[in-house]
Amino acid sequence: MEAELIPGLPEVMAMECLARVPIVNLGAARAVSKLWKSSIESVPFHDLRKSTGLADSVVAVSQAQVPENETVHPSPSVYRLSFFDPATGAWSCAPPVPGGHRSLPRFCQIVSVGCELVIVGGWNSLTWAASDEVHIFDLASKAWRAGAPMPGTGRSFFACAGSTERRMVFVAGGHDERKNALRSALAYDVAADAWVRLPDMAQARDECCGVLVRDAFQVLDGYPTDAPAQFMRSVESFDVNAWRWGPVEEEKLEEAVCPRTCVVGGDGRLYMCLKSRGVAALKEGEGWQTVAELPDDVVALQMVAWERGLVVLGSGNKSRSQFIYVLDLKAGKKMGKWRRLELPREFSGHVQAACTFRI
């Protein structure tokens, strides 16, 4: 006789009950039985949570591990994958990435693709050489696996974005081992574990940013080889359906700044931090509008979109201590309000990359 998920309940109803277990208790639920474990790790379980509005929006970060016996944080060489829930303030971490050093590469890119997080490129944390490694973390099984290496030689500081619908990761621009800005672009098929080359962009772009807007992979800003740090404000969009690049959109961004704080919000709008310490949103047909002012003690930062607003992670202007601010953007209000969250010491290490996923 086939075992029942919850004795006495039809399977569909039992799965509905299981889907309502809070994210912080899913680990304990997986330990109840082999059937519960396989159900919680299944794609239909996570699809059910998302379709019924039960999925939690969580931030994943590549974060320096804080030594247990240190009171003053050195510059750690070990980076791990940590998770933060902006709604509850709860932190957790993934098992160490397999390998001799058990560290994520420095300056790697993290994107979410369905129930998996894909970590691409970066620099080897011991040698500081550009890495072609791909690491995939399954959010359901909590297991790592290696992906096919990224083609090419030493691509760094490139644009990157993930598509859950297509289960693909898009990469473009950056620079090679000789610091030459790149026009080339790639796509990684997560299911097939295979890379394909895309047509080149019109312009070479170093230190560019990648976002996915509907069916378009947008590469924001960047600069050419002969004009380091002279950001261009322009955007190139790759139409995933037509499999081609559109025309360059000149002066699309509000300011010529490093685009690492450019994100697409839950409302589909593009957000970016400004030199004036404002946070601006691009509204179709109305241009850029300031929606918030950054807190006074914020300097170096990462910004990610959250389902109800934005999350800023970084360090303060008077210390090396790390902080998190959450901006709740409510409909009908012109300016959002920040709330500061304290980091547990165990998770107070420097953050180099971040993304949001729903589980």
Protein backbone atom coordinates (compact mmCIF):
# COMPACT_ATOMS: atom_id res chain seq x y z
CA MET A 1 0.00 0.00 0.00
CA GLU A 2 1.35 3.41 -0.98
CA ALA A 3 2.28 5.63 1.96
CA GLU A 4 0.18 8.74 2.54
CA LEU A 5 1.76 12.17 2.88
CA ILE A 6 -0.60 12.95 5.78
CA PRO A 7 -2.67 9.94 6.92
CA GLY A 8 -6.36 10.36 6.18
CA LEU A 9 -5.98 13.26 3.75
CA PRO A 10 -6.05 13.15 -0.05
CA GLU A 11 -2.62 13.83 -1.57
CA VAL A 12 -3.67 17.19 -3.04
CA MET A 13 -4.97 18.44 0.31
CA ALA A 14 -1.92 17.08 2.14
CA MET A 15 0.40 18.93 -0.24
CA GLU A 16 -1.61 22.12 0.38
CA CYS A 17 -1.01 21.68 4.12
CA LEU A 18 2.68 21.00 3.64
CA ALA A 19 3.03 24.07 1.42
CA ARG A 20 1.92 26.23 4.36
CA VAL A 21 4.88 25.27 6.54
CA PRO A 22 6.93 28.47 7.18
CA ILE A 23 10.29 28.60 5.42
CA VAL A 24 12.17 28.57 8.74
CA ASN A 25 10.57 25.19 9.56
CA LEU A 26 11.05 23.49 6.20
CA GLY A 27 14.34 21.95 7.32
CA ALA A 28 12.63 20.24 10.25
CA ALA A 29 9.75 19.16 8.02
CA ARG A 30 12.17 17.51 5.58
CA ALA A 31 13.46 15.35 8.44
CA VAL A 32 10.01 13.91 9.27
CA SER A 33 10.10 11.16 6.64
CA LYS A 34 11.55 10.22 3.27
CA LEU A 35 8.19 11.02 1.67
CA TRP A 36 8.06 14.49 3.20
CA LYS A 37 11.68 15.09 2.18
CA SER A 38 11.09 14.11 -1.46
CA SER A 39 7.86 16.13 -1.58
CA ILE A 40 9.45 19.30 -0.16
CA GLU A 41 12.40 18.95 -2.55
CA SER A 42 10.14 18.54 -5.59
CA VAL A 43 9.54 21.23 -8.19
CA PRO A 44 5.70 20.87 -7.93
CA PHE A 45 5.92 21.73 -4.21
CA HIS A 46 7.75 24.99 -4.90
CA ASP A 47 5.48 25.80 -7.85
CA LEU A 48 2.48 25.34 -5.52
CA ARG A 49 3.92 27.72 -2.93
CA LYS A 50 4.47 30.37 -5.59
CA SER A 51 1.09 29.97 -7.32
CA THR A 52 -0.81 30.21 -4.02
CA GLY A 53 1.12 33.23 -2.77
CA LEU A 54 2.82 31.25 0.00
CA ALA A 55 6.37 31.64 -1.28
CA ASP A 56 8.76 33.75 0.78
CA SER A 57 11.02 36.34 -0.84
CA VAL A 58 14.57 35.76 0.41
CA VAL A 59 17.88 37.50 -0.30
CA ALA A 60 20.94 35.37 -1.13
CA VAL A 61 24.39 36.89 -0.65
CA SER A 62 28.02 35.96 -1.21
CA GLN A 63 29.38 36.92 2.19
CA ALA A 64 32.77 36.79 3.88
CA GLN A 65 32.77 34.22 6.66
CA VAL A 66 33.51 35.74 10.07
CA PRO A 67 36.14 33.75 12.05
CA GLU A 68 34.74 32.47 15.33
CA ASN A 69 37.78 33.48 17.38
CA GLU A 70 38.23 36.99 15.97
CA THR A 71 36.87 40.13 17.59
CA VAL A 72 38.12 42.40 14.81
CA HIS A 73 37.22 41.32 11.30
CA PRO A 74 40.23 40.83 9.03
CA SER A 75 39.81 40.53 5.29
CA PRO A 76 38.59 36.93 5.15
CA SER A 77 39.44 34.83 2.13
CA VAL A 78 36.48 32.46 2.53
CA TYR A 79 33.13 33.49 1.07
CA ARG A 80 29.96 31.52 1.63
CA LEU A 81 26.35 31.62 0.48
CA SER A 82 24.09 33.16 3.13
CA PHE A 83 20.35 33.80 3.18
CA PHE A 84 18.38 36.67 4.71
CA ASP A 85 14.61 37.06 5.06
CA PRO A 86 13.77 40.80 5.04
CA ALA A 87 10.32 40.12 6.52
CA THR A 88 11.56 38.34 9.65
CA GLY A 89 15.24 39.33 9.85
CA ALA A 90 16.20 35.64 10.03
CA TRP A 91 19.60 34.49 8.68
CA SER A 92 20.90 31.08 7.60
CA CYS A 93 23.67 29.73 5.37
CA ALA A 94 24.23 27.04 2.77
CA PRO A 95 26.74 24.22 3.20
CA PRO A 96 30.25 25.14 1.99
CA VAL A 97 30.75 24.91 -1.74
CA PRO A 98 32.61 21.65 -2.57
CA GLY A 99 36.29 21.90 -3.39
CA GLY A 100 39.65 22.29 -1.73
CA HIS A 101 39.19 25.86 -0.49
CA ARG A 102 35.42 25.56 0.10
CA SER A 103 34.93 29.22 -0.82
CA LEU A 104 32.88 31.04 -3.41
CA PRO A 105 34.98 33.09 -5.83
CA ARG A 106 35.38 36.78 -5.01
CA PHE A 107 33.27 39.12 -7.14
CA CYS A 108 31.15 36.24 -8.45
CA GLN A 109 27.64 36.80 -9.81
CA ILE A 110 24.58 35.19 -8.19
CA VAL A 111 21.27 34.75 -10.03
CA SER A 112 18.14 32.73 -9.26
CA VAL A 113 16.70 30.30 -11.79
CA GLY A 114 13.61 28.60 -10.43
CA CYS A 115 14.52 26.48 -7.41
CA GLU A 116 18.24 26.93 -7.99
CA LEU A 117 20.86 29.60 -7.44
CA VAL A 118 23.59 29.83 -10.08
CA ILE A 119 26.97 31.32 -9.12
CA VAL A 120 29.04 32.37 -12.14
CA GLY A 121 32.65 33.52 -12.53
CA GLY A 122 34.50 35.82 -10.16
CA TRP A 123 38.09 35.58 -8.95
CA ASN A 124 39.73 32.61 -7.27
CA SER A 125 39.84 33.56 -3.59
CA LEU A 126 43.43 32.30 -3.21
CA THR A 127 45.13 33.30 -6.47
CA TRP A 128 42.84 36.20 -7.47
CA ALA A 129 42.86 34.83 -11.03
CA ALA A 130 39.64 35.14 -13.04
CA SER A 131 37.48 32.04 -12.60
CA ASP A 132 35.33 30.28 -15.19
CA GLU A 133 33.60 28.18 -12.53
CA VAL A 134 29.85 27.66 -12.31
CA HIS A 135 28.33 26.48 -9.03
CA ILE A 136 24.66 25.56 -8.71
CA PHE A 137 22.85 25.35 -5.37
CA ASP A 138 19.54 23.49 -5.29
CA LEU A 139 17.31 25.33 -2.82
CA ALA A 140 15.07 22.30 -2.34
CA SER A 141 17.68 19.59 -1.68
CA LYS A 142 20.26 22.00 -0.17
CA ALA A 143 22.92 20.38 -2.38
CA TRP A 144 25.66 21.82 -4.60
CA ARG A 145 26.67 20.65 -8.04
CA ALA A 146 29.21 21.94 -10.56
CA GLY A 147 28.09 23.42 -13.86
CA ALA A 148 29.91 23.54 -17.19
CA PRO A 149 32.70 26.16 -17.08
CA MET A 150 32.02 29.53 -18.70
CA PRO A 151 33.69 29.67 -22.15
CA GLY A 152 36.37 32.21 -22.94
CA THR A 153 39.42 33.43 -21.09
CA GLY A 154 39.15 35.29 -17.85
CA ARG A 155 35.90 37.29 -18.08
CA SER A 156 35.43 39.58 -15.06
CA PHE A 157 32.91 42.22 -13.92
CA PHE A 158 30.29 41.25 -16.49
CA ALA A 159 26.52 41.72 -16.71
CA CYS A 160 24.51 38.71 -15.58
CA ALA A 161 20.81 37.87 -15.19
CA GLY A 162 18.72 34.71 -14.82
CA SER A 163 15.43 33.62 -16.40
CA THR A 164 13.27 31.20 -14.41
CA GLU A 165 10.89 30.61 -17.33
CA ARG A 166 13.68 29.57 -19.70
CA ARG A 167 16.00 28.20 -17.02
CA MET A 168 18.83 30.21 -18.53
CA VAL A 169 21.56 32.56 -17.31
CA PHE A 170 22.66 35.41 -19.57
CA VAL A 171 26.16 36.93 -19.48
CA ALA A 172 27.54 39.91 -21.42
CA GLY A 173 30.43 42.36 -21.39
CA GLY A 174 33.01 42.69 -18.63
CA HIS A 175 36.73 42.59 -19.37
CA ASP A 176 39.28 39.93 -20.28
CA GLU A 177 42.60 39.11 -18.59
CA ARG A 178 44.25 42.07 -20.35
CA LYS A 179 41.58 44.50 -19.07
CA ASN A 180 40.03 44.87 -22.51
CA ALA A 181 36.30 45.62 -22.37
CA LEU A 182 34.20 42.93 -24.07
CA ARG A 183 31.28 43.00 -26.52
CA SER A 184 30.70 39.25 -26.42
CA ALA A 185 27.73 37.58 -24.73
CA LEU A 186 26.76 34.06 -23.64
CA ALA A 187 23.78 32.11 -22.36
CA TYR A 188 23.91 29.12 -20.00
CA ASP A 189 21.15 26.50 -20.19
CA VAL A 190 20.89 25.23 -16.61
CA ALA A 191 18.90 22.08 -17.45
CA ALA A 192 21.19 21.06 -20.33
CA ASP A 193 24.34 22.24 -18.52
CA ALA A 194 25.52 23.86 -21.73
CA TRP A 195 26.69 27.29 -22.88
CA VAL A 196 25.76 28.94 -26.18
CA ARG A 197 27.20 32.08 -27.72
CA LEU A 198 24.98 35.09 -28.34
CA PRO A 199 25.56 37.78 -30.98
CA ASP A 200 27.97 40.49 -29.85
CA MET A 201 26.70 43.75 -28.38
CA ALA A 202 27.16 46.96 -30.35
CA GLN A 203 29.49 48.40 -27.69
CA ALA A 204 32.16 46.95 -25.42
CA ARG A 205 31.10 47.37 -21.78
CA ASP A 206 33.24 46.82 -18.71
CA GLU A 207 31.65 46.83 -15.22
CA CYS A 208 28.15 46.68 -16.69
CA CYS A 209 25.02 45.41 -14.97
CA GLY A 210 22.48 42.87 -16.21
CA VAL A 211 18.73 42.74 -15.53
CA LEU A 212 15.88 40.76 -17.04
CA VAL A 213 12.81 42.79 -17.99
CA ARG A 214 10.06 40.51 -19.27
CA ASP A 215 11.69 38.75 -22.27
CA ALA A 216 14.65 41.11 -22.61
CA PHE A 217 18.14 40.76 -21.12
CA GLN A 218 19.19 44.37 -20.58
CA VAL A 219 22.85 45.34 -20.22
CA LEU A 220 23.13 48.63 -18.37
CA ASP A 221 25.92 51.18 -18.55
CA GLY A 222 29.59 50.14 -18.46
CA TYR A 223 32.58 51.79 -20.14
CA PRO A 224 34.98 51.05 -23.03
CA THR A 225 38.64 50.04 -22.72
CA ASP A 226 39.98 53.49 -23.59
CA ALA A 227 37.77 55.34 -21.08
CA PRO A 228 38.02 53.49 -17.76
CA ALA A 229 35.32 54.38 -15.21
CA GLN A 230 33.66 56.74 -17.72
CA PHE A 231 30.20 55.22 -17.54
CA MET A 232 28.03 55.74 -20.62
CA ARG A 233 24.41 55.82 -19.32
CA SER A 234 23.35 53.72 -22.32
CA VAL A 235 21.52 50.38 -22.40
CA GLU A 236 21.48 47.45 -24.83
CA SER A 237 18.64 44.91 -24.77
CA PHE A 238 18.77 41.33 -26.04
CA ASP A 239 15.35 40.10 -27.20
CA VAL A 240 15.26 36.50 -25.99
CA ASN A 241 12.39 35.56 -28.33
CA ALA A 242 13.93 37.11 -31.45
CA TRP A 243 17.46 36.13 -30.31
CA ARG A 244 18.97 39.48 -31.30
CA TRP A 245 20.10 42.77 -29.81
CA GLY A 246 18.01 45.89 -30.24
CA PRO A 247 19.40 49.37 -30.92
CA VAL A 248 21.51 51.09 -28.25
CA GLU A 249 19.38 53.33 -26.01
CA GLU A 250 21.54 56.35 -25.32
CA GLU A 251 21.21 58.25 -22.02
CA LYS A 252 18.64 55.74 -20.74
CA LEU A 253 20.00 55.85 -17.19
CA GLU A 254 19.49 58.88 -14.97
CA GLU A 255 23.20 59.26 -14.15
CA ALA A 256 26.59 58.01 -15.33
CA VAL A 257 27.45 55.94 -12.25
CA CYS A 258 28.58 52.39 -11.54
CA PRO A 259 25.38 50.43 -12.24
CA ARG A 260 25.76 47.80 -9.50
CA THR A 261 22.78 49.33 -7.67
CA CYS A 262 20.48 49.04 -10.70
CA VAL A 263 17.70 46.51 -10.06
CA VAL A 264 14.26 45.64 -11.39
CA GLY A 265 11.65 45.88 -8.64
CA GLY A 266 8.66 43.67 -8.01
CA ASP A 267 6.58 46.26 -9.86
CA GLY A 268 8.68 45.80 -13.01
CA ARG A 269 10.30 49.25 -12.75
CA LEU A 270 14.04 49.91 -12.91
CA TYR A 271 15.57 51.40 -9.74
CA MET A 272 19.02 52.90 -9.19
CA CYS A 273 20.95 54.84 -6.53
CA LEU A 274 22.04 58.36 -7.48
CA LYS A 275 25.06 60.50 -6.64
CA SER A 276 22.70 62.81 -4.78
CA ARG A 277 21.95 59.87 -2.41
CA GLY A 278 18.50 59.49 -3.79
CA VAL A 279 16.90 56.27 -5.05
CA ALA A 280 15.16 56.81 -8.38
CA ALA A 281 12.64 54.70 -10.28
CA LEU A 282 12.05 54.71 -14.03
CA LYS A 283 8.34 54.97 -14.80
CA GLU A 284 7.32 54.25 -18.37
CA GLY A 285 6.43 57.47 -20.14
CA GLU A 286 7.29 59.67 -17.15
CA GLY A 287 11.07 59.31 -16.80
CA TRP A 288 13.01 58.96 -13.57
CA GLN A 289 11.41 59.88 -10.24
CA THR A 290 13.02 59.93 -6.78
CA VAL A 291 11.23 57.50 -4.47
CA ALA A 292 13.54 57.59 -1.40
CA GLU A 293 16.67 59.14 0.09
CA LEU A 294 19.48 56.85 1.24
CA PRO A 295 20.14 56.88 5.01
CA ASP A 296 22.96 59.21 6.10
CA ASP A 297 25.29 56.44 7.28
CA VAL A 298 25.29 54.51 4.00
CA VAL A 299 28.37 54.40 1.74
CA ALA A 300 29.51 51.23 -0.07
CA LEU A 301 26.44 49.17 -0.85
CA GLN A 302 24.64 46.46 -2.76
CA MET A 303 20.96 46.84 -3.65
CA VAL A 304 18.47 44.11 -4.49
CA ALA A 305 14.76 44.14 -5.19
CA TRP A 306 12.37 42.62 -2.69
CA GLU A 307 8.71 41.77 -3.27
CA ARG A 308 7.53 44.80 -1.27
CA GLY A 309 10.42 47.17 -1.92
CA LEU A 310 14.22 47.31 -1.92
CA VAL A 311 17.02 46.01 0.30
CA VAL A 312 20.34 47.82 0.69
CA LEU A 313 23.36 45.99 2.15
CA GLY A 314 26.76 47.52 2.80
CA SER A 315 29.05 49.28 5.26
CA GLY A 316 28.74 52.54 7.17
CA ASN A 317 30.66 55.75 6.53
CA LYS A 318 32.41 55.77 9.91
CA SER A 319 33.16 52.08 10.47
CA ARG A 320 33.64 48.75 8.72
CA SER A 321 30.50 47.37 10.32
CA GLN A 322 27.90 45.99 7.93
CA PHE A 323 24.27 47.07 7.82
CA ILE A 324 20.99 46.27 6.13
CA TYR A 325 18.22 48.71 5.35
CA VAL A 326 14.84 47.61 3.99
CA LEU A 327 12.72 50.07 2.01
CA ASP A 328 9.00 49.37 1.95
CA LEU A 329 7.45 50.94 -1.14
CA LYS A 330 3.73 51.35 -0.62
CA ALA A 331 1.33 52.29 -3.39
CA GLY A 332 0.10 55.84 -3.15
CA LYS A 333 3.10 57.14 -1.21
CA LYS A 334 5.65 59.33 -2.98
CA MET A 335 8.58 58.52 -0.68
CA GLY A 336 9.37 55.17 0.89
CA LYS A 337 10.51 54.65 4.48
CA TRP A 338 13.65 52.74 5.49
CA ARG A 339 13.96 50.39 8.44
CA ARG A 340 17.37 49.31 9.70
CA LEU A 341 18.05 45.71 10.70
CA GLU A 342 20.95 44.58 12.85
CA LEU A 343 23.13 41.72 11.63
CA PRO A 344 24.03 38.81 13.91
CA ARG A 345 27.81 38.69 14.35
CA GLU A 346 27.98 35.35 12.51
CA PHE A 347 26.50 37.06 9.43
CA SER A 348 28.27 40.42 9.67
CA GLY A 349 30.88 39.69 6.99
CA HIS A 350 31.35 41.79 3.86
CA VAL A 351 28.82 41.19 1.07
CA GLN A 352 30.12 41.10 -2.51
CA ALA A 353 27.09 39.91 -4.49
CA ALA A 354 23.38 39.46 -3.87
CA CYS A 355 20.14 38.43 -5.52
CA THR A 356 16.54 37.73 -4.50
CA PHE A 357 14.64 34.48 -4.95
CA ARG A 358 11.24 33.12 -3.95
CA ILE A 359 10.84 29.79 -2.20
